[in-house]
Amino acid sequence: MNFAETAALSTPARRSGRGYVDFNAVPEAHRQIDARLVNWGRWCHGSVARQVSPMFRMVPPEPKDSAQARIETGERIDHLDAAKIHAAVIHLPLQHRGVLNWVYVKPWMTPKKACQVIGTSLVELGRLLTDSRNMLLAKGA
């Protein structure tokens, strides 16, 4: 066993009888809605335009290579699709909205803190995430 496997086995959730939930695992059936929700999460943050000091405002940008250009085009936000997802998300029950907000808009929040905010357990949080994606798929969002 390597260090990462040992660390994974020693986590409190793994040791306890409550079970272990991998929030980063996305089932194959949810891949499309997950990609749309990732787009929605970026859309919720607004413009990510780089702030430039007024002193350097007129300096031309550095030339980009083809790899960097591909990365930037892959991160473009589809505003129309994000608005459709947003319209569907606001009609979900409160806990389901909360879990989607945690996973896609505020991913820096720990699962424990998300459980406290939403008022649920780790296992229930995983079930809410799956149910939320299923609800959006059922609505045809």
Foldseek 3Di string as FASTA:
>chain_A
DDPVVVVVCPDPQNPDPVHDDDPPDDDPVLPVVVVLLLLLLVVVVPDPDDDDDPVCPPPDDDDDDPVVVVVVVVNDHDVVSSVVVVVQLVPDDPLLNLLSCCVRNNVVDDLVVSCVVSVHDSVVSNVSPVVSSVSCVVVVD
